[in-house]
Every structure is written in structure tokens, then in C-alpha cells.
Amino acid sequence: MTSTSSPSQAAGTSKGSAQNHSNRSEGLRADALMEEDVAWSHAIDGQRDGEQLDRSERAALRRVAGLSTELEDVTEVEYRQLRLERVVLVGVWTSGTADDADNSLAELAALAETAGALVLDGVIQRRDKPDAATYIGSGKARELLELVIETGADTVICDGELSPGQLIHLEDVVKVKVIDRTALILDIFAQHAKSREGKAQVALAQMQYMLPRLRGWGQSLSRQMGGGKGGGLATRGPGETKIETDRRRIREKMAKMRREIAEMKTGREVKRQERRRHKVPSVAIAGYTNAGKSSLLNRLTGAGVLVENALFATLDPTVRRAETPSGRLYTLADTVGFVRHLPHHLVEAFRSTMEEVGDADLILHVVDGSHPAPEEQLAAVREVVRDVGATEVPEIVVVNKADLADPLVLQRLLRTEKRALVVSARTGTGIEELLDLVDAELPRPEVEIEALVPYTAGRLVARAHTDGEVLSEEHTPEGTLLKARVHEELAAEFAPYVPAPLS
């Protein structure tokens, strides 16, 4: 038997189906809207196709490439991590030789590559001093525009620190983003900082650099309502502009960051005081970036610090315990690498970290023997060491990368530097001689004692090994006959066991 239905019934059924379908669609749409507010479920969301994004990323504005007719990334107010791709380098040669200027631009190219950029070309202009308006002069700036168009570059990097006015004027001419050497180094530091203290120091340096370079335009120059009860017509003044508000907030953040860094400095100072109390000598490894400081630290102590053929590969200071060939304990600290024209913002922000150099008993000044101008590296590092007040600390110049260096360059360095040693952290050449030299240069305990220590006071013998220098040791039936050099505090504890002199 078949069932039949009238047209009116069919219409009603169709209408009911449509209504049910509509209700079901409304329900599905409501479920879809509710999905924005529920937690992610693997059972449900895991079955979806395509890349899944967080809620904030799905709701965020997404820039569509190729629609804007304005200059990109030129009028940004906030400082953000640079995304460099295709860059042209510009330098101003004011002093020195042409080779010096070429080496400086080559180093800028290495910095740009470390930051992730593709260097297309580099130009240098000979001037008595940089142009106050556009850094290279208006005529050369127009020539630079032609070079930018020809190469298809989207960024120009200047080999120097530009004033806010120079940045604006040069960008107006070349029509692409312009940054300077300082901003490039700050970006590299921001990428490589790993520890909490390192990140805080980099953030402080970035804010110091950003503060005078904030820019506002259009509505960003509008003023907030002035004072007065309830606002309205009872205003007492024009109020702050948006850019003034940004500057005030940055100053507040900088003050907070300085307090946090000061608190971190306290913890490191406690460790230093503990080492001083135990009279543990300290050695600081300082040197130009990519000179091989971390490789030398690993070779001397087996620290396992990251080693990479890149500028500023390691920023966070590392302190390791080491032992001289004669058995004396000391600490070895790896510090942040230096570079010529190191931004003063970084010197100020990393001053607490660089104090490891000032508090050391000996500095191992590592220089890259394979570099085209190692003397310039030495001068740049010594300038920063002078800034942190470590000029009185004894220094040993360690010429690294002997396996790659020109023998004539090594001979020249050994002639000019009175206390220098040639090593290779990669192959181990000269490491034994370096350890012997460190052993000889480290400060020695001032009191020499000879005592017969009973076996019940064996802890004193152990302390002589850790905190002093044992010259001889003999075990007798009465106890340990010990001859050593120790500090005054420990010598007082040995006093009861020192034999009285024969009359």
C-alpha cells in the first residue's frame, strides 16, 4: 500500500522542512559562534582541515599584501623586531684608510646577515663629516634612490648612528625604510638574548634608543582632554599629545626595568662576595665578537657553551670553575662580545654584566688572528674595557684561530703585544702554554706555612688544596706534614700545628 498526500499537505511538509532546515542552520550558526568561546577540543577541532590558529590570531587584522599605496614600515611609532630581507649598505668614510672603511662596511654586512638580511650592495662616500640632514648629502641620497630601485632593496642600513632627523630626511628621499648600525645591533641582541637578565638589558637598551625617535602623525598628534572636574568645558590646559603619552610610558617602563636589573645584579654580587670570601681567583674572557671566546671557554673547562660562526652568538655571561695545572681553583667567566662603535645604550644596559671584567684578577683578551685588521679589534675592546673601569686588571692577549691566520700577522701581533700567546681553540694548539701562563699570572696566597696536621684535622689539609697552593705533602705516623701557601685567615687556623722554631 502506498500513501498519498494532498498538495496542501505537501506544501505544509515542505514549509515545515524549510523551517526545520532554517532552525537547524540557525543552530549551526549559533554553535559556530559559540566555538569562539569554548576551549579547544582535540576530538572536535582535531578533525578540521587546514592550519589551526588561536582565537586571538583568527580575530586579528590581517594585512593583505599589495593593496597599500603608502610607504611601508616607515612611520611606525613603536620599535619592533626588524624583518630585514633585501638591504643596501651605506657608509661615510671620514678618517683612516680606504681599507679601514671597507672593513667597517664588511662588518656591517656580517651584522646584517646575522640579523637575517640578504645584502645586495654596499656604497661608501668620502666626507669630512656626515651630512646633518641626510647623512650622505642630498645629491648622494638621490643616487642612493637609483641604486635602491635598481637592486629592488626594501631597506637601507647606514654604518653609523643616525639622528632622528637624519632618519626621516633620508627615508623621504630613498622611499624605503632606513635603519642605522645601532638599531641593527639592538635587533641582533634581541634575537640572541636567552636569560631573563639578558632580555631585560636588551629591552632597556631598545627603549633608550627608541625614546628620542618616536614619531607621530595625523590623529596621533591629537591631544587628550586637559584637567578640570568632569572634563567638558572646564579644562585647565590642552593636555598631553599622544606622542607625549608614549614617551612618558616608556620612561616609566625604563625606570621599572632598571629596578629589575638592579635586583638581578644583587644576586650576582652575592656570588662574587662568596668567591672573594673563599679567595677564589677569577679570570674573565673578553674580546671582539666571533673571536672565539666561547670556544676557548669550552676548551679550557668543557662548559658546553653554544659555539657558532656568527656575530653575538652568545650574550648571556657564563661562569665556570676551572683548575690550573698546579691544582689551584679559579673561576673563568665568558662575557658578551664587543664590536667597534658599540652603542652606548648597550654599554650602559650591560654594565652590570660587564662588571665581571672589572672584578676579575686577570683578563684573557681574545683576538681573531685570521681577521683582516686584528689591531682594530684590540683597540675597540680596550675602549669598552676602559669605559667599565677595568684598566688596572692585568691582561693576556690570546691570539686565537692560529690554524687560519697568516703567519706574518701572528708575528706582527707578537711583536707589538708584550704579553701575547698564539692558540687555536679548535685544534688545541697552545692551550697548555696558556694554562701555564694563567697559573703564573694569577695572584698567589701571601703566607707560606709548614705544619704537621694531625689526621683528626684533615679538613685543614683539604682547605689548603682548595683555597691555597700546596707545595709539598707527606704522610707521617703523627699526621700530614704540609708545606703550602695560604691566605692569612687560613694561616691563623694552621697556627696550632706549626712546629715551634728550634732555639
Protein backbone atom coordinates (compact mmCIF):
# COMPACT_ATOMS: atom_id res chain seq x y z
CA MET A 1 0.00 0.00 0.00
CA THR A 2 1.25 3.37 -0.93
CA SER A 3 0.49 6.56 0.94
CA THR A 4 -0.61 9.69 -0.83
CA SER A 5 -0.66 13.28 0.26
CA SER A 6 -2.56 16.25 -0.94
CA PRO A 7 -0.80 19.31 -2.41
CA SER A 8 -1.65 21.31 0.69
CA GLN A 9 -0.11 18.62 2.89
CA ALA A 10 2.96 18.55 0.68
CA ALA A 11 3.26 22.30 0.91
CA GLY A 12 2.92 22.12 4.66
CA THR A 13 5.55 19.43 4.81
CA SER A 14 7.84 21.43 2.57
CA LYS A 15 7.23 24.51 4.66
CA GLY A 16 7.93 22.56 7.85
CA SER A 17 11.09 21.10 6.34
CA ALA A 18 12.24 24.56 5.36
CA GLN A 19 11.51 25.81 8.83
CA ASN A 20 13.35 22.86 10.36
CA HIS A 21 16.24 23.45 8.00
CA SER A 22 16.26 27.14 8.96
CA ASN A 23 16.18 26.27 12.65
CA ARG A 24 18.96 23.77 12.10
CA SER A 25 21.01 26.38 10.21
CA GLU A 26 20.43 28.90 12.99
CA GLY A 27 21.55 26.29 15.49
CA LEU A 28 24.67 25.51 13.49
CA ARG A 29 25.45 29.22 13.20
CA ALA A 30 24.98 29.64 16.94
CA ASP A 31 27.27 26.67 17.55
CA ALA A 32 29.83 28.19 15.24
CA LEU A 33 29.65 31.47 17.11
CA MET A 34 29.93 29.69 20.44
CA GLU A 35 33.05 27.91 19.24
CA GLU A 36 34.92 31.16 19.66
CA ASP A 37 34.35 30.98 23.42
CA VAL A 38 34.94 27.31 24.18
CA ALA A 39 38.25 25.56 24.83
CA TRP A 40 39.93 23.75 22.00
CA SER A 41 38.97 20.10 21.83
CA HIS A 42 41.15 17.52 20.12
CA ALA A 43 38.15 15.30 19.38
CA ILE A 44 36.30 18.10 17.56
CA ASP A 45 38.90 20.57 16.36
CA GLY A 46 41.46 17.92 15.53
CA GLN A 47 39.27 16.74 12.64
CA ARG A 48 39.27 20.10 10.87
CA ASP A 49 41.22 20.71 7.73
CA GLY A 50 43.95 23.29 7.39
CA GLU A 51 46.18 25.09 9.83
CA GLN A 52 44.56 25.87 13.17
CA LEU A 53 45.07 29.30 14.73
CA ASP A 54 44.50 30.66 18.21
CA ARG A 55 41.42 32.76 18.79
CA SER A 56 43.41 35.96 19.01
CA GLU A 57 45.13 35.19 15.71
CA ARG A 58 41.84 34.38 13.96
CA ALA A 59 40.29 37.63 15.17
CA ALA A 60 43.34 39.80 14.44
CA LEU A 61 43.57 42.13 11.48
CA ARG A 62 45.50 40.57 8.62
CA ARG A 63 47.38 42.77 6.22
CA VAL A 64 46.71 41.99 2.55
CA ALA A 65 49.87 42.41 0.55
CA GLY A 66 49.92 44.65 -2.50
CA LEU A 67 46.98 46.91 -1.62
CA SER A 68 48.71 49.75 0.19
CA THR A 69 49.98 52.72 -1.76
CA GLU A 70 51.72 54.26 1.25
CA LEU A 71 55.32 53.69 2.29
CA GLU A 72 55.61 50.50 4.34
CA ASP A 73 57.12 50.42 7.83
CA VAL A 74 58.41 54.00 7.63
CA THR A 75 56.08 55.80 10.01
CA GLU A 76 55.90 53.09 12.66
CA VAL A 77 55.80 54.61 16.13
CA GLU A 78 56.88 51.61 18.16
CA TYR A 79 60.23 49.87 17.82
CA ARG A 80 59.71 46.27 16.80
CA GLN A 81 61.92 43.40 15.79
CA LEU A 82 63.26 44.11 12.33
CA ARG A 83 62.34 41.78 9.48
CA LEU A 84 65.09 42.55 7.04
CA GLU A 85 65.15 40.89 3.64
CA ARG A 86 66.93 42.79 0.88
CA VAL A 87 69.25 45.55 2.07
CA VAL A 88 71.73 48.07 0.72
CA LEU A 89 74.56 49.27 2.96
CA VAL A 90 75.76 52.88 3.13
CA GLY A 91 78.88 54.13 4.87
CA VAL A 92 80.59 57.51 5.32
CA TRP A 93 84.38 57.44 5.25
CA THR A 94 85.60 60.30 7.43
CA SER A 95 89.03 59.13 8.62
CA GLY A 96 91.54 56.31 8.21
CA THR A 97 92.42 54.45 5.06
CA ALA A 98 90.18 53.07 2.34
CA ASP A 99 90.83 49.56 3.70
CA ASP A 100 89.55 50.64 7.10
CA ALA A 101 86.33 51.91 5.52
CA ASP A 102 85.93 48.68 3.52
CA ASN A 103 86.47 46.57 6.65
CA SER A 104 83.87 48.57 8.53
CA LEU A 105 81.29 48.04 5.78
CA ALA A 106 82.20 44.34 5.57
CA GLU A 107 81.50 44.05 9.29
CA LEU A 108 78.16 45.81 8.79
CA ALA A 109 77.35 43.22 6.11
CA ALA A 110 78.14 40.42 8.58
CA LEU A 111 75.86 42.08 11.15
CA ALA A 112 73.05 42.34 8.57
CA GLU A 113 73.41 38.67 7.63
CA THR A 114 73.35 37.71 11.31
CA ALA A 115 70.04 39.60 11.62
CA GLY A 116 68.63 37.60 8.68
CA ALA A 117 69.08 40.03 5.79
CA LEU A 118 70.23 39.50 2.23
CA VAL A 119 72.88 42.10 1.41
CA LEU A 120 72.55 43.27 -2.19
CA ASP A 121 75.11 46.07 -2.41
CA GLY A 122 77.17 48.49 -0.37
CA VAL A 123 78.43 52.02 -1.07
CA ILE A 124 80.79 54.37 0.75
CA GLN A 125 81.07 58.14 0.46
CA ARG A 126 84.17 60.16 1.36
CA ARG A 127 83.25 63.15 3.51
CA ASP A 128 84.82 65.22 6.26
CA LYS A 129 81.79 64.51 8.44
CA PRO A 130 78.29 63.03 7.89
CA ASP A 131 75.71 65.40 6.46
CA ALA A 132 73.49 66.83 9.20
CA ALA A 133 70.30 66.37 7.15
CA THR A 134 70.58 63.14 5.14
CA TYR A 135 73.84 61.58 6.42
CA ILE A 136 75.31 61.37 2.89
CA GLY A 137 74.11 64.64 1.35
CA SER A 138 71.07 65.34 -0.83
CA GLY A 139 72.81 64.56 -4.15
CA LYS A 140 74.20 61.23 -2.97
CA ALA A 141 70.83 60.42 -1.42
CA ARG A 142 69.21 60.71 -4.87
CA GLU A 143 71.92 58.44 -6.29
CA LEU A 144 71.14 56.01 -3.48
CA LEU A 145 67.47 56.09 -4.54
CA GLU A 146 68.50 54.97 -8.02
CA LEU A 147 70.54 52.13 -6.51
CA VAL A 148 67.60 51.06 -4.35
CA ILE A 149 65.30 50.99 -7.38
CA GLU A 150 67.88 49.11 -9.46
CA THR A 151 68.50 46.39 -6.84
CA GLY A 152 64.93 46.16 -5.56
CA ALA A 153 66.01 46.69 -1.95
CA ASP A 154 63.46 47.37 0.76
CA THR A 155 65.84 48.59 3.48
CA VAL A 156 68.89 50.85 3.71
CA ILE A 157 71.35 50.32 6.59
CA CYS A 158 73.72 53.15 7.47
CA ASP A 159 77.11 52.41 9.04
CA GLY A 160 76.71 54.78 11.97
CA GLU A 161 74.17 56.08 14.47
CA LEU A 162 71.74 58.43 12.75
CA SER A 163 69.85 61.22 14.47
CA PRO A 164 66.03 61.16 14.27
CA GLY A 165 66.14 63.99 11.72
CA GLN A 166 68.63 62.15 9.50
CA LEU A 167 66.43 59.03 9.54
CA ILE A 168 63.34 60.99 8.49
CA HIS A 169 65.04 63.01 5.76
CA LEU A 170 66.87 60.04 4.23
CA GLU A 171 63.67 57.98 4.20
CA ASP A 172 61.86 60.82 2.43
CA VAL A 173 64.44 60.68 -0.38
CA VAL A 174 65.06 56.92 -0.83
CA LYS A 175 61.38 55.94 -0.28
CA VAL A 176 62.23 52.82 1.74
CA LYS A 177 62.89 52.03 5.37
CA VAL A 178 66.19 53.31 6.77
CA ILE A 179 67.87 51.99 9.91
CA ASP A 180 71.28 52.59 11.42
CA ARG A 181 74.02 50.40 12.87
CA THR A 182 72.72 50.80 16.40
CA ALA A 183 69.22 49.57 15.55
CA LEU A 184 70.75 46.59 13.74
CA ILE A 185 72.89 45.57 16.72
CA LEU A 186 69.94 46.00 19.08
CA ASP A 187 67.88 43.70 16.88
CA ILE A 188 70.59 41.02 16.94
CA PHE A 189 70.83 41.28 20.72
CA ALA A 190 67.04 40.93 20.99
CA GLN A 191 67.14 37.75 18.89
CA HIS A 192 70.00 36.14 20.82
CA ALA A 193 69.23 37.06 24.44
CA LYS A 194 68.05 33.94 26.30
CA SER A 195 68.32 34.62 30.05
CA ARG A 196 65.90 36.82 31.99
CA GLU A 197 68.64 39.31 32.75
CA GLY A 198 69.86 39.43 29.15
CA LYS A 199 66.35 40.09 27.86
CA ALA A 200 65.82 42.85 30.42
CA GLN A 201 69.11 44.52 29.49
CA VAL A 202 68.29 44.40 25.78
CA ALA A 203 64.79 45.78 26.40
CA LEU A 204 66.25 48.68 28.38
CA ALA A 205 68.72 49.48 25.59
CA GLN A 206 65.93 49.34 23.00
CA MET A 207 63.77 51.77 24.94
CA GLN A 208 66.69 54.16 25.42
CA TYR A 209 67.26 54.10 21.66
CA MET A 210 63.56 54.39 20.82
CA LEU A 211 62.68 57.29 23.15
CA PRO A 212 64.04 60.20 21.05
CA ARG A 213 62.93 58.54 17.79
CA LEU A 214 59.21 58.24 18.42
CA ARG A 215 57.17 59.76 15.63
CA GLY A 216 53.53 60.75 15.41
CA TRP A 217 51.32 61.86 12.57
CA GLY A 218 47.68 62.60 11.88
CA GLN A 219 45.46 61.63 14.79
CA SER A 220 48.47 60.52 16.82
CA LEU A 221 49.22 64.20 17.38
CA SER A 222 45.79 64.85 18.87
CA ARG A 223 45.70 65.92 22.49
CA GLN A 224 43.96 64.31 25.40
CA MET A 225 41.41 66.37 27.30
CA GLY A 226 43.01 68.61 29.88
CA GLY A 227 42.33 68.78 33.58
CA GLY A 228 39.19 70.01 35.28
CA LYS A 229 36.38 68.36 37.14
CA GLY A 230 34.48 66.11 34.82
CA GLY A 231 36.27 67.36 31.72
CA GLY A 232 33.91 69.12 29.37
CA LEU A 233 34.35 72.88 29.17
CA ALA A 234 36.18 73.16 32.49
CA THR A 235 39.60 72.28 31.08
CA ARG A 236 42.70 73.89 32.51
CA GLY A 237 45.03 73.19 29.61
CA PRO A 238 45.44 71.40 26.30
CA GLY A 239 46.61 68.14 27.87
CA GLU A 240 49.21 65.68 26.53
CA THR A 241 49.60 64.72 22.92
CA LYS A 242 49.68 61.05 22.03
CA ILE A 243 53.44 61.10 21.48
CA GLU A 244 54.00 62.75 24.86
CA THR A 245 51.95 59.99 26.47
CA ASP A 246 54.06 57.35 24.69
CA ARG A 247 57.26 58.97 25.93
CA ARG A 248 56.00 59.13 29.49
CA ARG A 249 55.03 55.46 29.42
CA ILE A 250 58.43 54.49 28.02
CA ARG A 251 60.18 56.40 30.79
CA GLU A 252 58.07 54.58 33.36
CA LYS A 253 58.95 51.22 31.79
CA MET A 254 62.64 52.15 31.73
CA ALA A 255 62.56 53.02 35.44
CA LYS A 256 60.90 49.69 36.20
CA MET A 257 63.42 47.82 34.05
CA ARG A 258 66.35 49.48 35.82
CA ARG A 259 64.94 48.39 39.18
CA GLU A 260 64.60 44.79 37.96
CA ILE A 261 68.17 44.76 36.61
CA ALA A 262 69.43 46.17 39.92
CA GLU A 263 67.70 43.31 41.75
CA MET A 264 69.32 40.76 39.43
CA LYS A 265 72.67 42.45 39.98
CA THR A 266 72.30 41.84 43.73
CA GLY A 267 72.20 38.07 43.19
CA ARG A 268 75.35 38.12 41.09
CA GLU A 269 77.09 40.34 43.64
CA VAL A 270 76.32 37.81 46.39
CA LYS A 271 78.06 35.12 44.35
CA ARG A 272 81.05 37.41 43.80
CA GLN A 273 81.31 38.10 47.53
CA GLU A 274 81.24 34.38 48.24
CA ARG A 275 84.13 33.85 45.83
CA ARG A 276 86.04 36.72 47.42
CA ARG A 277 85.44 35.27 50.89
CA HIS A 278 86.96 31.99 49.81
CA LYS A 279 89.77 33.84 47.98
CA VAL A 280 88.96 32.14 44.68
CA PRO A 281 90.78 33.94 41.83
CA SER A 282 88.71 34.92 38.80
CA VAL A 283 89.61 35.15 35.13
CA ALA A 284 87.41 36.98 32.59
CA ILE A 285 87.42 36.20 28.87
CA ALA A 286 86.87 39.40 26.90
CA GLY A 287 87.22 40.10 23.21
CA TYR A 288 85.67 41.03 19.92
CA THR A 289 82.53 39.25 18.81
CA ASN A 290 83.18 36.00 16.93
CA ALA A 291 86.82 35.94 18.09
CA GLY A 292 86.35 32.50 19.67
CA LYS A 293 85.68 33.32 23.35
CA SER A 294 83.08 30.59 23.84
CA SER A 295 85.26 28.07 22.01
CA LEU A 296 88.15 28.92 24.33
CA LEU A 297 85.89 28.57 27.39
CA ASN A 298 84.76 25.16 26.20
CA ARG A 299 88.34 24.09 25.53
CA LEU A 300 89.52 25.19 29.00
CA THR A 301 86.57 23.99 31.09
CA GLY A 302 84.30 21.79 28.94
CA ALA A 303 81.46 24.24 29.61
CA GLY A 304 79.40 23.23 26.57
CA VAL A 305 78.55 26.83 25.64
CA LEU A 306 76.98 27.42 22.22
CA VAL A 307 79.63 27.91 19.53
CA GLU A 308 78.59 29.35 16.18
CA ASN A 309 80.33 31.22 13.40
CA ALA A 310 78.13 34.29 13.85
CA LEU A 311 78.33 37.69 15.49
CA PHE A 312 76.97 37.84 19.05
CA ALA A 313 76.05 34.16 19.05
CA THR A 314 76.19 34.11 22.86
CA LEU A 315 75.16 37.07 25.01
CA ASP A 316 74.49 35.66 28.45
CA PRO A 317 77.58 35.55 30.70
CA THR A 318 78.78 32.10 31.74
CA VAL A 319 80.95 31.43 34.81
CA ARG A 320 82.66 28.05 35.16
CA ARG A 321 85.03 26.53 37.68
CA ALA A 322 88.48 25.62 36.41
CA GLU A 323 91.77 24.30 37.75
CA THR A 324 95.34 25.27 36.95
CA PRO A 325 97.99 22.63 36.17
CA SER A 326 99.31 23.04 39.74
CA GLY A 327 95.87 22.26 41.19
CA ARG A 328 94.69 25.78 42.07
CA LEU A 329 91.00 26.50 41.60
CA TYR A 330 89.74 29.62 39.84
CA THR A 331 86.64 30.82 38.01
CA LEU A 332 86.51 31.52 34.27
CA ALA A 333 83.83 33.95 33.02
CA ASP A 334 82.77 34.34 29.39
CA THR A 335 81.47 37.87 28.69
CA VAL A 336 79.45 39.47 25.92
CA GLY A 337 81.38 40.17 22.74
CA PHE A 338 82.37 43.70 21.77
CA VAL A 339 82.30 45.43 18.42
CA ARG A 340 83.54 48.73 17.05
CA HIS A 341 81.17 51.62 17.69
CA LEU A 342 79.30 49.55 20.26
CA PRO A 343 76.12 51.55 21.01
CA HIS A 344 76.39 53.40 24.30
CA HIS A 345 72.86 52.22 25.12
CA LEU A 346 74.20 48.67 25.24
CA VAL A 347 77.27 49.61 27.26
CA GLU A 348 75.03 51.24 29.85
CA ALA A 349 72.44 48.43 29.89
CA PHE A 350 75.06 45.65 30.06
CA ARG A 351 77.24 47.48 32.59
CA SER A 352 76.24 45.10 35.39
CA THR A 353 77.23 42.12 33.22
CA MET A 354 80.50 43.75 32.14
CA GLU A 355 81.43 44.23 35.78
CA GLU A 356 82.67 40.64 35.62
CA VAL A 357 85.63 42.07 33.70
CA GLY A 358 86.26 44.84 36.22
CA ASP A 359 86.17 42.46 39.21
CA ALA A 360 88.44 39.84 37.63
CA ASP A 361 92.03 39.18 38.70
CA LEU A 362 93.10 38.53 35.10
CA ILE A 363 91.66 39.27 31.64
CA LEU A 364 92.15 36.91 28.72
CA HIS A 365 91.77 39.30 25.78
CA VAL A 366 90.85 37.07 22.83
CA VAL A 367 91.52 38.42 19.33
CA ASP A 368 90.81 36.78 15.97
CA GLY A 369 94.19 36.17 14.35
CA SER A 370 92.55 35.50 10.97
CA HIS A 371 90.76 38.87 10.89
CA PRO A 372 91.99 41.38 8.30
CA ALA A 373 92.61 44.04 10.99
CA PRO A 374 93.15 42.42 14.41
CA GLU A 375 94.72 45.62 15.79
CA GLU A 376 91.38 47.40 15.29
CA GLN A 377 89.67 44.65 17.28
CA LEU A 378 92.14 45.11 20.13
CA ALA A 379 91.57 48.87 20.18
CA ALA A 380 87.76 48.54 20.13
CA VAL A 381 87.71 46.07 23.04
CA ARG A 382 90.13 48.12 25.13
CA GLU A 383 87.93 51.18 24.65
CA VAL A 384 84.95 49.34 26.17
CA VAL A 385 87.13 47.89 28.95
CA ARG A 386 88.21 51.44 29.74
CA ASP A 387 84.55 52.51 29.88
CA VAL A 388 83.73 49.91 32.55
CA GLY A 389 86.78 50.86 34.65
CA ALA A 390 88.90 47.72 34.24
CA THR A 391 92.13 49.31 33.03
CA GLU A 392 94.08 48.20 36.13
CA VAL A 393 93.34 44.48 35.65
CA PRO A 394 96.31 42.51 34.19
CA GLU A 395 95.73 41.39 30.60
CA ILE A 396 96.95 38.48 28.47
CA VAL A 397 96.34 38.82 24.73
CA VAL A 398 95.23 35.45 23.34
CA VAL A 399 95.55 35.37 19.54
CA ASN A 400 93.01 32.73 18.55
CA LYS A 401 92.41 30.86 15.27
CA ALA A 402 96.11 30.25 14.70
CA ASP A 403 95.23 27.46 12.25
CA LEU A 404 93.57 30.01 9.93
CA ALA A 405 95.79 33.06 10.48
CA ASP A 406 98.57 34.42 8.31
CA PRO A 407 101.95 33.68 9.99
CA LEU A 408 103.13 37.21 9.22
CA VAL A 409 100.11 38.67 11.04
CA LEU A 410 100.82 36.45 14.05
CA GLN A 411 104.43 37.59 14.16
CA ARG A 412 103.34 41.23 13.95
CA LEU A 413 100.93 40.79 16.87
CA LEU A 414 103.54 39.02 19.00
CA ARG A 415 105.96 41.89 18.35
CA THR A 416 103.51 44.66 19.24
CA GLU A 417 101.84 42.97 22.24
CA LYS A 418 104.19 42.34 25.17
CA ARG A 419 102.09 39.64 26.81
CA ALA A 420 100.59 37.66 23.95
CA LEU A 421 100.15 33.98 23.16
CA VAL A 422 99.04 32.25 19.96
CA VAL A 423 96.46 29.47 20.36
CA SER A 424 93.81 27.59 18.42
CA ALA A 425 90.71 26.70 20.41
CA ARG A 426 89.60 24.36 17.61
CA THR A 427 92.75 22.26 17.39
CA GLY A 428 94.09 22.76 20.92
CA THR A 429 97.37 24.35 19.82
CA GLY A 430 98.91 26.49 22.56
CA ILE A 431 96.29 25.63 25.20
CA GLU A 432 98.83 24.02 27.54
CA GLU A 433 101.07 27.08 27.36
CA LEU A 434 98.05 29.31 28.05
CA LEU A 435 97.14 27.31 31.17
CA ASP A 436 100.70 27.57 32.47
CA LEU A 437 100.69 31.33 31.86
CA VAL A 438 97.36 31.74 33.66
CA ASP A 439 98.75 29.73 36.58
CA ALA A 440 101.77 32.02 36.76
CA GLU A 441 99.77 35.26 36.46
CA LEU A 442 97.00 34.55 38.95
CA PRO A 443 97.53 36.14 42.39
CA ARG A 444 99.07 33.70 44.85
CA PRO A 445 98.34 33.31 48.58
CA GLU A 446 100.58 35.59 50.60
CA VAL A 447 101.55 33.37 53.60
CA GLU A 448 103.77 30.29 53.35
CA ILE A 449 103.26 27.76 56.16
CA GLU A 450 104.79 24.42 57.12
CA ALA A 451 102.68 22.44 59.59
CA LEU A 452 102.25 18.93 60.95
CA VAL A 453 98.49 18.47 60.81
CA PRO A 454 97.01 15.54 62.77
CA TYR A 455 94.72 13.23 60.86
CA THR A 456 91.79 14.36 63.01
CA ALA A 457 92.12 17.84 61.43
CA GLY A 458 92.13 16.61 57.85
CA ARG A 459 89.66 19.32 56.83
CA LEU A 460 92.51 21.86 57.04
CA VAL A 461 94.52 19.85 54.53
CA ALA A 462 91.51 19.77 52.21
CA ARG A 463 91.08 23.54 52.53
CA ALA A 464 94.76 24.06 51.73
CA HIS A 465 94.17 22.18 48.48
CA THR A 466 91.02 24.14 47.55
CA ASP A 467 91.79 27.64 48.84
CA GLY A 468 95.61 27.67 48.74
CA GLU A 469 98.58 26.27 46.89
CA VAL A 470 100.13 23.05 48.22
CA LEU A 471 103.87 22.96 47.71
CA SER A 472 104.57 19.56 49.29
CA GLU A 473 102.67 16.95 51.26
CA GLU A 474 103.99 13.95 53.24
CA HIS A 475 102.08 11.48 55.40
CA THR A 476 103.84 10.54 58.67
CA PRO A 477 102.76 8.47 61.71
CA GLU A 478 101.96 11.68 63.60
CA GLY A 479 99.96 13.32 60.80
CA THR A 480 100.31 15.13 57.47
CA LEU A 481 103.43 17.21 57.02
CA LEU A 482 102.21 20.02 54.81
CA LYS A 483 104.00 22.89 53.13
CA ALA A 484 101.72 25.33 51.36
CA ARG A 485 100.92 28.92 50.57
CA VAL A 486 97.60 30.08 52.04
CA HIS A 487 95.78 33.28 52.85
CA GLU A 488 96.06 35.00 56.22
CA GLU A 489 92.71 33.72 57.54
CA LEU A 490 93.60 30.10 56.81
CA ALA A 491 97.16 30.57 58.10
CA ALA A 492 95.68 31.51 61.50
CA GLU A 493 93.86 28.16 61.63
CA PHE A 494 97.12 26.32 60.87
CA ALA A 495 98.98 28.18 63.65
CA PRO A 496 98.44 25.50 66.39
CA TYR A 497 100.09 22.87 64.19
CA VAL A 498 103.13 24.87 63.11
CA PRO A 499 106.23 23.46 64.90
CA ALA A 500 107.98 25.92 67.18
CA PRO A 501 111.37 27.04 65.88
CA LEU A 502 114.41 25.41 67.49
CA SER A 503 116.22 27.70 69.92
